[in-house]
Amino acid sequence: MVPFANRATVPDQVLVRHLDGESVLLNLDTEKYFGLDAMGTRMFVLVTTSPCIESAYEKLLEEYEVEPELLRGHLSDLLSRLVDNGLLDVSPADVGTIPAV
């Protein structure tokens, strides 16, 4: 399970293309690809543009009428599959940040 306190990023070797609300992700190194429907695309966009996965989850709860645990389960499953296939990197949210002086 991917911790929601972490941040998700797209690895350099992954090509992402959006078309008509759907997406295709291709790992250029492994040639593994993944197709996302409209909901999967929205999840992917939010998790890769938010400071942490939890923020993306909260935004999805605001946008969609869904039971919180059902959404958490679906989002966790999607993220785990993407990470397992090298299509998404997950790291602690504070990695790469510069502490305030």
PDB file of N, CA and C in Angstrom:
ATOM      1  N   MET A   1       0.836  -1.183   0.000  1.00  0.00           N
ATOM      2  CA  MET A   1       0.000   0.000   0.000  1.00  0.00           C
ATOM      3  C   MET A   1       0.881   1.248   0.000  1.00  0.00           C
ATOM      4  N   VAL A   2       0.522   2.209  -0.809  1.00  0.00           N
ATOM      5  CA  VAL A   2       1.273   3.452  -0.926  1.00  0.00           C
ATOM      6  C   VAL A   2       0.820   4.425   0.161  1.00  0.00           C
ATOM      7  N   PRO A   3       1.746   4.899   0.994  1.00  0.00           N
ATOM      8  CA  PRO A   3       1.363   5.862   2.041  1.00  0.00           C
ATOM      9  C   PRO A   3       0.864   7.175   1.426  1.00  0.00           C
ATOM     10  N   PHE A   4      -0.287   7.639   1.884  1.00  0.00           N
ATOM     11  CA  PHE A   4      -0.869   8.856   1.337  1.00  0.00           C
ATOM     12  C   PHE A   4      -0.131  10.121   1.773  1.00  0.00           C
ATOM     13  N   ALA A   5       0.771  10.007   2.739  1.00  0.00           N
ATOM     14  CA  ALA A   5       1.575  11.162   3.144  1.00  0.00           C
ATOM     15  C   ALA A   5       2.698  11.428   2.141  1.00  0.00           C
ATOM     16  N   ASN A   6       2.951  10.472   1.256  1.00  0.00           N
ATOM     17  CA  ASN A   6       4.020  10.598   0.266  1.00  0.00           C
ATOM     18  C   ASN A   6       3.591  11.429  -0.934  1.00  0.00           C
ATOM     19  N   ARG A   7       4.575  11.729  -1.763  1.00  0.00           N
ATOM     20  CA  ARG A   7       4.356  12.485  -2.998  1.00  0.00           C
ATOM     21  C   ARG A   7       4.592  11.543  -4.176  1.00  0.00           C
ATOM     22  N   ALA A   8       3.780  11.709  -5.223  1.00  0.00           N
ATOM     23  CA  ALA A   8       3.913  10.882  -6.426  1.00  0.00           C
ATOM     24  C   ALA A   8       4.438  11.730  -7.576  1.00  0.00           C
ATOM     25  N   THR A   9       5.387  11.168  -8.324  1.00  0.00           N
ATOM     26  CA  THR A   9       5.943  11.866  -9.482  1.00  0.00           C
ATOM     27  C   THR A   9       6.053  10.896 -10.655  1.00  0.00           C
ATOM     28  N   VAL A  10       6.087  11.468 -11.838  1.00  0.00           N
ATOM     29  CA  VAL A  10       6.236  10.667 -13.051  1.00  0.00           C
ATOM     30  C   VAL A  10       7.726  10.506 -13.326  1.00  0.00           C
ATOM     31  N   PRO A  11       8.210   9.271 -13.426  1.00  0.00           N
ATOM     32  CA  PRO A  11       9.632   9.054 -13.725  1.00  0.00           C
ATOM     33  C   PRO A  11      10.001   9.623 -15.102  1.00  0.00           C
ATOM     34  N   ASP A  12      11.262   9.974 -15.273  1.00  0.00           N
ATOM     35  CA  ASP A  12      11.737  10.556 -16.534  1.00  0.00           C
ATOM     36  C   ASP A  12      11.511   9.628 -17.729  1.00  0.00           C
ATOM     37  N   GLN A  13      11.563   8.324 -17.511  1.00  0.00           N
ATOM     38  CA  GLN A  13      11.433   7.377 -18.619  1.00  0.00           C
ATOM     39  C   GLN A  13       9.981   7.063 -18.973  1.00  0.00           C
ATOM     40  N   VAL A  14       9.031   7.769 -18.370  1.00  0.00           N
ATOM     41  CA  VAL A  14       7.610   7.507 -18.631  1.00  0.00           C
ATOM     42  C   VAL A  14       7.025   8.616 -19.491  1.00  0.00           C
ATOM     43  N   LEU A  15       6.419   8.201 -20.570  1.00  0.00           N
ATOM     44  CA  LEU A  15       5.755   9.104 -21.499  1.00  0.00           C
ATOM     45  C   LEU A  15       4.259   9.074 -21.179  1.00  0.00           C
ATOM     46  N   VAL A  16       3.652  10.255 -21.027  1.00  0.00           N
ATOM     47  CA  VAL A  16       2.228  10.363 -20.703  1.00  0.00           C
ATOM     48  C   VAL A  16       1.550  11.135 -21.818  1.00  0.00           C
ATOM     49  N   ARG A  17       0.462  10.584 -22.336  1.00  0.00           N
ATOM     50  CA  ARG A  17      -0.321  11.253 -23.382  1.00  0.00           C
ATOM     51  C   ARG A  17      -1.786  11.246 -22.976  1.00  0.00           C
ATOM     52  N   HIS A  18      -2.418  12.414 -23.034  1.00  0.00           N
ATOM     53  CA  HIS A  18      -3.836  12.571 -22.718  1.00  0.00           C
ATOM     54  C   HIS A  18      -4.600  12.769 -24.021  1.00  0.00           C
ATOM     55  N   LEU A  19      -5.751  12.104 -24.125  1.00  0.00           N
ATOM     56  CA  LEU A  19      -6.587  12.234 -25.317  1.00  0.00           C
ATOM     57  C   LEU A  19      -8.044  12.020 -24.928  1.00  0.00           C
ATOM     58  N   ASP A  20      -8.862  13.020 -25.174  1.00  0.00           N
ATOM     59  CA  ASP A  20     -10.304  12.930 -24.903  1.00  0.00           C
ATOM     60  C   ASP A  20     -10.618  12.471 -23.481  1.00  0.00           C
ATOM     61  N   GLY A  21      -9.910  13.025 -22.507  1.00  0.00           N
ATOM     62  CA  GLY A  21     -10.179  12.706 -21.112  1.00  0.00           C
ATOM     63  C   GLY A  21      -9.553  11.420 -20.611  1.00  0.00           C
ATOM     64  N   GLU A  22      -8.928  10.662 -21.481  1.00  0.00           N
ATOM     65  CA  GLU A  22      -8.262   9.435 -21.077  1.00  0.00           C
ATOM     66  C   GLU A  22      -6.758   9.592 -21.264  1.00  0.00           C
ATOM     67  N   SER A  23      -5.996   8.647 -20.749  1.00  0.00           N
ATOM     68  CA  SER A  23      -4.541   8.748 -20.824  1.00  0.00           C
ATOM     69  C   SER A  23      -3.898   7.401 -21.111  1.00  0.00           C
ATOM     70  N   VAL A  24      -2.703   7.486 -21.677  1.00  0.00           N
ATOM     71  CA  VAL A  24      -1.859   6.310 -21.863  1.00  0.00           C
ATOM     72  C   VAL A  24      -0.501   6.655 -21.261  1.00  0.00           C
ATOM     73  N   LEU A  25       0.022   5.751 -20.449  1.00  0.00           N
ATOM     74  CA  LEU A  25       1.340   5.906 -19.837  1.00  0.00           C
ATOM     75  C   LEU A  25       2.230   4.806 -20.399  1.00  0.00           C
ATOM     76  N   LEU A  26       3.413   5.156 -20.855  1.00  0.00           N
ATOM     77  CA  LEU A  26       4.342   4.202 -21.435  1.00  0.00           C
ATOM     78  C   LEU A  26       5.707   4.352 -20.781  1.00  0.00           C
ATOM     79  N   ASN A  27       6.211   3.251 -20.217  1.00  0.00           N
ATOM     80  CA  ASN A  27       7.553   3.225 -19.674  1.00  0.00           C
ATOM     81  C   ASN A  27       8.482   2.893 -20.837  1.00  0.00           C
ATOM     82  N   LEU A  28       9.288   3.849 -21.263  1.00  0.00           N
ATOM     83  CA  LEU A  28      10.152   3.668 -22.426  1.00  0.00           C
ATOM     84  C   LEU A  28      11.246   2.633 -22.186  1.00  0.00           C
ATOM     85  N   ASP A  29      11.638   2.424 -20.927  1.00  0.00           N
ATOM     86  CA  ASP A  29      12.680   1.438 -20.617  1.00  0.00           C
ATOM     87  C   ASP A  29      12.157   0.006 -20.681  1.00  0.00           C
ATOM     88  N   THR A  30      10.975  -0.227 -20.143  1.00  0.00           N
ATOM     89  CA  THR A  30      10.435  -1.587 -20.059  1.00  0.00           C
ATOM     90  C   THR A  30       9.390  -1.873 -21.135  1.00  0.00           C
ATOM     91  N   GLU A  31       8.945  -0.845 -21.817  1.00  0.00           N
ATOM     92  CA  GLU A  31       7.890  -0.922 -22.826  1.00  0.00           C
ATOM     93  C   GLU A  31       6.552  -1.369 -22.240  1.00  0.00           C
ATOM     94  N   LYS A  32       6.386  -1.226 -20.926  1.00  0.00           N
ATOM     95  CA  LYS A  32       5.100  -1.496 -20.287  1.00  0.00           C
ATOM     96  C   LYS A  32       4.244  -0.246 -20.417  1.00  0.00           C
ATOM     97  N   TYR A  33       2.967  -0.449 -20.692  1.00  0.00           N
ATOM     98  CA  TYR A  33       2.074   0.690 -20.803  1.00  0.00           C
ATOM     99  C   TYR A  33       0.794   0.422 -20.038  1.00  0.00           C
ATOM    100  N   PHE A  34       0.069   1.495 -19.799  1.00  0.00           N
ATOM    101  CA  PHE A  34      -1.130   1.426 -18.992  1.00  0.00           C
ATOM    102  C   PHE A  34      -2.111   2.439 -19.542  1.00  0.00           C
ATOM    103  N   GLY A  35      -3.345   2.032 -19.749  1.00  0.00           N
ATOM    104  CA  GLY A  35      -4.389   2.948 -20.196  1.00  0.00           C
ATOM    105  C   GLY A  35      -5.254   3.359 -19.014  1.00  0.00           C
ATOM    106  N   LEU A  36      -5.597   4.634 -18.940  1.00  0.00           N
ATOM    107  CA  LEU A  36      -6.439   5.139 -17.864  1.00  0.00           C
ATOM    108  C   LEU A  36      -7.723   5.719 -18.445  1.00  0.00           C
ATOM    109  N   ASP A  37      -8.859   5.368 -17.841  1.00  0.00           N
ATOM    110  CA  ASP A  37     -10.119   5.982 -18.241  1.00  0.00           C
ATOM    111  C   ASP A  37     -10.195   7.389 -17.637  1.00  0.00           C
ATOM    112  N   ALA A  38     -11.319   8.048 -17.780  1.00  0.00           N
ATOM    113  CA  ALA A  38     -11.456   9.433 -17.312  1.00  0.00           C
ATOM    114  C   ALA A  38     -11.201   9.551 -15.804  1.00  0.00           C
ATOM    115  N   MET A  39     -11.748   8.637 -15.013  1.00  0.00           N
ATOM    116  CA  MET A  39     -11.551   8.700 -13.563  1.00  0.00           C
ATOM    117  C   MET A  39     -10.100   8.409 -13.198  1.00  0.00           C
ATOM    118  N   GLY A  40      -9.512   7.407 -13.817  1.00  0.00           N
ATOM    119  CA  GLY A  40      -8.105   7.106 -13.563  1.00  0.00           C
ATOM    120  C   GLY A  40      -7.202   8.252 -13.960  1.00  0.00           C
ATOM    121  N   THR A  41      -7.538   8.914 -15.064  1.00  0.00           N
ATOM    122  CA  THR A  41      -6.760  10.066 -15.508  1.00  0.00           C
ATOM    123  C   THR A  41      -6.848  11.198 -14.498  1.00  0.00           C
ATOM    124  N   ARG A  42      -8.047  11.445 -13.970  1.00  0.00           N
ATOM    125  CA  ARG A  42      -8.202  12.509 -12.965  1.00  0.00           C
ATOM    126  C   ARG A  42      -7.395  12.177 -11.723  1.00  0.00           C
ATOM    127  N   MET A  43      -7.441  10.928 -11.292  1.00  0.00           N
ATOM    128  CA  MET A  43      -6.646  10.515 -10.130  1.00  0.00           C
ATOM    129  C   MET A  43      -5.167  10.737 -10.395  1.00  0.00           C
ATOM    130  N   PHE A  44      -4.702  10.300 -11.563  1.00  0.00           N
ATOM    131  CA  PHE A  44      -3.293  10.419 -11.922  1.00  0.00           C
ATOM    132  C   PHE A  44      -2.847  11.884 -11.950  1.00  0.00           C
ATOM    133  N   VAL A  45      -3.640  12.727 -12.581  1.00  0.00           N
ATOM    134  CA  VAL A  45      -3.293  14.152 -12.674  1.00  0.00           C
ATOM    135  C   VAL A  45      -3.217  14.773 -11.280  1.00  0.00           C
ATOM    136  N   LEU A  46      -4.194  14.495 -10.449  1.00  0.00           N
ATOM    137  CA  LEU A  46      -4.173  15.084  -9.104  1.00  0.00           C
ATOM    138  C   LEU A  46      -3.020  14.578  -8.256  1.00  0.00           C
ATOM    139  N   VAL A  47      -2.732  13.283  -8.279  1.00  0.00           N
ATOM    140  CA  VAL A  47      -1.643  12.784  -7.432  1.00  0.00           C
ATOM    141  C   VAL A  47      -0.276  13.268  -7.916  1.00  0.00           C
ATOM    142  N   THR A  48      -0.128  13.508  -9.205  1.00  0.00           N
ATOM    143  CA  THR A  48       1.176  13.946  -9.708  1.00  0.00           C
ATOM    144  C   THR A  48       1.349  15.468  -9.677  1.00  0.00           C
ATOM    145  N   THR A  49       0.300  16.196  -9.332  1.00  0.00           N
ATOM    146  CA  THR A  49       0.412  17.653  -9.248  1.00  0.00           C
ATOM    147  C   THR A  49       0.171  18.184  -7.837  1.00  0.00           C
ATOM    148  N   SER A  50      -0.116  17.300  -6.905  1.00  0.00           N
ATOM    149  CA  SER A  50      -0.374  17.706  -5.517  1.00  0.00           C
ATOM    150  C   SER A  50       0.878  17.531  -4.679  1.00  0.00           C
ATOM    151  N   PRO A  51       0.973  18.278  -3.576  1.00  0.00           N
ATOM    152  CA  PRO A  51       2.153  18.147  -2.709  1.00  0.00           C
ATOM    153  C   PRO A  51       2.265  16.776  -2.043  1.00  0.00           C
ATOM    154  N   CYS A  52       1.126  16.094  -1.880  1.00  0.00           N
ATOM    155  CA  CYS A  52       1.126  14.732  -1.343  1.00  0.00           C
ATOM    156  C   CYS A  52      -0.134  14.023  -1.831  1.00  0.00           C
ATOM    157  N   ILE A  53      -0.123  12.717  -1.735  1.00  0.00           N
ATOM    158  CA  ILE A  53      -1.246  11.916  -2.208  1.00  0.00           C
ATOM    159  C   ILE A  53      -2.503  12.213  -1.395  1.00  0.00           C
ATOM    160  N   GLU A  54      -2.353  12.460  -0.113  1.00  0.00           N
ATOM    161  CA  GLU A  54      -3.497  12.780   0.746  1.00  0.00           C
ATOM    162  C   GLU A  54      -4.236  14.019   0.237  1.00  0.00           C
ATOM    163  N   SER A  55      -3.509  15.017  -0.218  1.00  0.00           N
ATOM    164  CA  SER A  55      -4.141  16.231  -0.778  1.00  0.00           C
ATOM    165  C   SER A  55      -4.959  15.889  -2.013  1.00  0.00           C
ATOM    166  N   ALA A  56      -4.427  15.030  -2.853  1.00  0.00           N
ATOM    167  CA  ALA A  56      -5.148  14.606  -4.055  1.00  0.00           C
ATOM    168  C   ALA A  56      -6.403  13.831  -3.661  1.00  0.00           C
ATOM    169  N   TYR A  57      -6.281  12.959  -2.695  1.00  0.00           N
ATOM    170  CA  TYR A  57      -7.419  12.181  -2.198  1.00  0.00           C
ATOM    171  C   TYR A  57      -8.532  13.103  -1.695  1.00  0.00           C
ATOM    172  N   GLU A  58      -8.170  14.104  -0.920  1.00  0.00           N
ATOM    173  CA  GLU A  58      -9.155  15.045  -0.386  1.00  0.00           C
ATOM    174  C   GLU A  58      -9.846  15.822  -1.510  1.00  0.00           C
ATOM    175  N   LYS A  59      -9.100  16.207  -2.517  1.00  0.00           N
ATOM    176  CA  LYS A  59      -9.674  16.909  -3.665  1.00  0.00           C
ATOM    177  C   LYS A  59     -10.648  15.989  -4.413  1.00  0.00           C
ATOM    178  N   LEU A  60     -10.284  14.732  -4.589  1.00  0.00           N
ATOM    179  CA  LEU A  60     -11.168  13.768  -5.245  1.00  0.00           C
ATOM    180  C   LEU A  60     -12.464  13.582  -4.453  1.00  0.00           C
ATOM    181  N   LEU A  61     -12.367  13.564  -3.111  1.00  0.00           N
ATOM    182  CA  LEU A  61     -13.563  13.455  -2.280  1.00  0.00           C
ATOM    183  C   LEU A  61     -14.498  14.642  -2.495  1.00  0.00           C
ATOM    184  N   GLU A  62     -13.920  15.830  -2.700  1.00  0.00           N
ATOM    185  CA  GLU A  62     -14.724  17.021  -2.965  1.00  0.00           C
ATOM    186  C   GLU A  62     -15.399  16.946  -4.338  1.00  0.00           C
ATOM    187  N   GLU A  63     -14.717  16.393  -5.310  1.00  0.00           N
ATOM    188  CA  GLU A  63     -15.198  16.375  -6.694  1.00  0.00           C
ATOM    189  C   GLU A  63     -16.215  15.268  -6.978  1.00  0.00           C
ATOM    190  N   TYR A  64     -16.099  14.136  -6.296  1.00  0.00           N
ATOM    191  CA  TYR A  64     -16.928  12.977  -6.611  1.00  0.00           C
ATOM    192  C   TYR A  64     -17.757  12.552  -5.409  1.00  0.00           C
ATOM    193  N   GLU A  65     -18.946  12.107  -5.674  1.00  0.00           N
ATOM    194  CA  GLU A  65     -19.819  11.594  -4.632  1.00  0.00           C
ATOM    195  C   GLU A  65     -19.511  10.107  -4.466  1.00  0.00           C
ATOM    196  N   VAL A  66     -18.680   9.802  -3.495  1.00  0.00           N
ATOM    197  CA  VAL A  66     -18.197   8.433  -3.291  1.00  0.00           C
ATOM    198  C   VAL A  66     -17.888   8.235  -1.811  1.00  0.00           C
ATOM    199  N   GLU A  67     -18.034   7.006  -1.357  1.00  0.00           N
ATOM    200  CA  GLU A  67     -17.675   6.680   0.027  1.00  0.00           C
ATOM    201  C   GLU A  67     -16.159   6.840   0.191  1.00  0.00           C
ATOM    202  N   PRO A  68     -15.725   7.511   1.240  1.00  0.00           N
ATOM    203  CA  PRO A  68     -14.289   7.754   1.435  1.00  0.00           C
ATOM    204  C   PRO A  68     -13.417   6.496   1.386  1.00  0.00           C
ATOM    205  N   GLU A  69     -13.836   5.431   2.034  1.00  0.00           N
ATOM    206  CA  GLU A  69     -13.015   4.210   2.047  1.00  0.00           C
ATOM    207  C   GLU A  69     -12.976   3.526   0.685  1.00  0.00           C
ATOM    208  N   LEU A  70     -14.056   3.613  -0.066  1.00  0.00           N
ATOM    209  CA  LEU A  70     -14.073   3.054  -1.414  1.00  0.00           C
ATOM    210  C   LEU A  70     -13.084   3.799  -2.307  1.00  0.00           C
ATOM    211  N   LEU A  71     -13.113   5.125  -2.224  1.00  0.00           N
ATOM    212  CA  LEU A  71     -12.176   5.933  -3.001  1.00  0.00           C
ATOM    213  C   LEU A  71     -10.738   5.649  -2.575  1.00  0.00           C
ATOM    214  N   ARG A  72     -10.502   5.586  -1.275  1.00  0.00           N
ATOM    215  CA  ARG A  72      -9.142   5.314  -0.777  1.00  0.00           C
ATOM    216  C   ARG A  72      -8.642   3.972  -1.318  1.00  0.00           C
ATOM    217  N   GLY A  73      -9.502   2.971  -1.332  1.00  0.00           N
ATOM    218  CA  GLY A  73      -9.120   1.655  -1.839  1.00  0.00           C
ATOM    219  C   GLY A  73      -8.803   1.679  -3.322  1.00  0.00           C
ATOM    220  N   HIS A  74      -9.664   2.337  -4.110  1.00  0.00           N
ATOM    221  CA  HIS A  74      -9.429   2.407  -5.555  1.00  0.00           C
ATOM    222  C   HIS A  74      -8.166   3.195  -5.880  1.00  0.00           C
ATOM    223  N   LEU A  75      -7.954   4.296  -5.172  1.00  0.00           N
ATOM    224  CA  LEU A  75      -6.759   5.108  -5.402  1.00  0.00           C
ATOM    225  C   LEU A  75      -5.503   4.328  -5.012  1.00  0.00           C
ATOM    226  N   SER A  76      -5.551   3.639  -3.895  1.00  0.00           N
ATOM    227  CA  SER A  76      -4.404   2.817  -3.462  1.00  0.00           C
ATOM    228  C   SER A  76      -4.088   1.731  -4.483  1.00  0.00           C
ATOM    229  N   ASP A  77      -5.129   1.068  -4.981  1.00  0.00           N
ATOM    230  CA  ASP A  77      -4.926   0.016  -5.986  1.00  0.00           C
ATOM    231  C   ASP A  77      -4.278   0.571  -7.247  1.00  0.00           C
ATOM    232  N   LEU A  78      -4.794   1.695  -7.729  1.00  0.00           N
ATOM    233  CA  LEU A  78      -4.234   2.307  -8.940  1.00  0.00           C
ATOM    234  C   LEU A  78      -2.779   2.686  -8.732  1.00  0.00           C
ATOM    235  N   LEU A  79      -2.487   3.361  -7.636  1.00  0.00           N
ATOM    236  CA  LEU A  79      -1.113   3.795  -7.378  1.00  0.00           C
ATOM    237  C   LEU A  79      -0.169   2.602  -7.242  1.00  0.00           C
ATOM    238  N   SER A  80      -0.606   1.571  -6.557  1.00  0.00           N
ATOM    239  CA  SER A  80       0.239   0.374  -6.400  1.00  0.00           C
ATOM    240  C   SER A  80       0.545  -0.265  -7.748  1.00  0.00           C
ATOM    241  N   ARG A  81      -0.445  -0.358  -8.610  1.00  0.00           N
ATOM    242  CA  ARG A  81      -0.230  -0.946  -9.939  1.00  0.00           C
ATOM    243  C   ARG A  81       0.725  -0.091 -10.766  1.00  0.00           C
ATOM    244  N   LEU A  82       0.577   1.232 -10.686  1.00  0.00           N
ATOM    245  CA  LEU A  82       1.467   2.117 -11.444  1.00  0.00           C
ATOM    246  C   LEU A  82       2.900   2.029 -10.924  1.00  0.00           C
ATOM    247  N   VAL A  83       3.059   2.010  -9.619  1.00  0.00           N
ATOM    248  CA  VAL A  83       4.400   1.893  -9.025  1.00  0.00           C
ATOM    249  C   VAL A  83       5.020   0.547  -9.399  1.00  0.00           C
ATOM    250  N   ASP A  84       4.257  -0.523  -9.284  1.00  0.00           N
ATOM    251  CA  ASP A  84       4.758  -1.871  -9.598  1.00  0.00           C
ATOM    252  C   ASP A  84       5.228  -1.991 -11.047  1.00  0.00           C
ATOM    253  N   ASN A  85       4.630  -1.207 -11.945  1.00  0.00           N
ATOM    254  CA  ASN A  85       4.992  -1.256 -13.364  1.00  0.00           C
ATOM    255  C   ASN A  85       5.965  -0.162 -13.772  1.00  0.00           C
ATOM    256  N   GLY A  86       6.525   0.542 -12.787  1.00  0.00           N
ATOM    257  CA  GLY A  86       7.527   1.566 -13.076  1.00  0.00           C
ATOM    258  C   GLY A  86       6.964   2.807 -13.754  1.00  0.00           C
ATOM    259  N   LEU A  87       5.662   3.034 -13.593  1.00  0.00           N
ATOM    260  CA  LEU A  87       5.009   4.168 -14.249  1.00  0.00           C
ATOM    261  C   LEU A  87       4.802   5.348 -13.311  1.00  0.00           C
ATOM    262  N   LEU A  88       5.173   5.177 -12.038  1.00  0.00           N
ATOM    263  CA  LEU A  88       5.012   6.232 -11.040  1.00  0.00           C
ATOM    264  C   LEU A  88       6.047   6.020  -9.958  1.00  0.00           C
ATOM    265  N   ASP A  89       6.627   7.099  -9.478  1.00  0.00           N
ATOM    266  CA  ASP A  89       7.544   7.053  -8.338  1.00  0.00           C
ATOM    267  C   ASP A  89       6.845   7.667  -7.141  1.00  0.00           C
ATOM    268  N   VAL A  90       7.087   7.099  -5.967  1.00  0.00           N
ATOM    269  CA  VAL A  90       6.527   7.628  -4.730  1.00  0.00           C
ATOM    270  C   VAL A  90       7.669   7.830  -3.751  1.00  0.00           C
ATOM    271  N   SER A  91       7.707   9.015  -3.145  1.00  0.00           N
ATOM    272  CA  SER A  91       8.756   9.328  -2.174  1.00  0.00           C
ATOM    273  C   SER A  91       8.156  10.182  -1.062  1.00  0.00           C
ATOM    274  N   PRO A  92       8.858  10.284   0.066  1.00  0.00           N
ATOM    275  CA  PRO A  92       8.349  11.143   1.128  1.00  0.00           C
ATOM    276  C   PRO A  92       8.102  12.555   0.606  1.00  0.00           C
ATOM    277  N   ALA A  93       7.044  13.187   1.066  1.00  0.00           N
ATOM    278  CA  ALA A  93       6.643  14.501   0.556  1.00  0.00           C
ATOM    279  C   ALA A  93       7.697  15.575   0.800  1.00  0.00           C
ATOM    280  N   ASP A  94       8.549  15.387   1.802  1.00  0.00           N
ATOM    281  CA  ASP A  94       9.538  16.429   2.098  1.00  0.00           C
ATOM    282  C   ASP A  94      10.881  16.206   1.415  1.00  0.00           C
ATOM    283  N   VAL A  95      11.026  15.144   0.635  1.00  0.00           N
ATOM    284  CA  VAL A  95      12.283  14.899  -0.075  1.00  0.00           C
ATOM    285  C   VAL A  95      12.423  15.916  -1.205  1.00  0.00           C
ATOM    286  N   GLY A  96      13.580  16.525  -1.267  1.00  0.00           N
ATOM    287  CA  GLY A  96      13.841  17.487  -2.319  1.00  0.00           C
ATOM    288  C   GLY A  96      13.400  18.895  -1.982  1.00  0.00           C
ATOM    289  N   THR A  97      12.891  19.098  -0.793  1.00  0.00           N
ATOM    290  CA  THR A  97      12.492  20.444  -0.384  1.00  0.00           C
ATOM    291  C   THR A  97      13.613  21.067   0.436  1.00  0.00           C
ATOM    292  N   ILE A  98      13.671  22.348   0.408  1.00  0.00           N
ATOM    293  CA  ILE A  98      14.702  23.071   1.160  1.00  0.00           C
ATOM    294  C   ILE A  98      14.074  23.588   2.446  1.00  0.00           C
ATOM    295  N   PRO A  99      14.637  23.247   3.603  1.00  0.00           N
ATOM    296  CA  PRO A  99      14.057  23.707   4.853  1.00  0.00           C
ATOM    297  C   PRO A  99      14.139  25.230   4.992  1.00  0.00           C
ATOM    298  N   ALA A 100      13.161  25.792   5.674  1.00  0.00           N
ATOM    299  CA  ALA A 100      13.144  27.250   5.908  1.00  0.00           C
ATOM    300  C   ALA A 100      14.266  27.604   6.858  1.00  0.00           C
ATOM    301  N   VAL A 101      14.819  28.776   6.675  1.00  0.00           N
ATOM    302  CA  VAL A 101      15.927  29.221   7.527  1.00  0.00           C
ATOM    303  C   VAL A 101      15.401  30.027   8.677  1.00  0.00           C
TER     304      VAL A 101
END
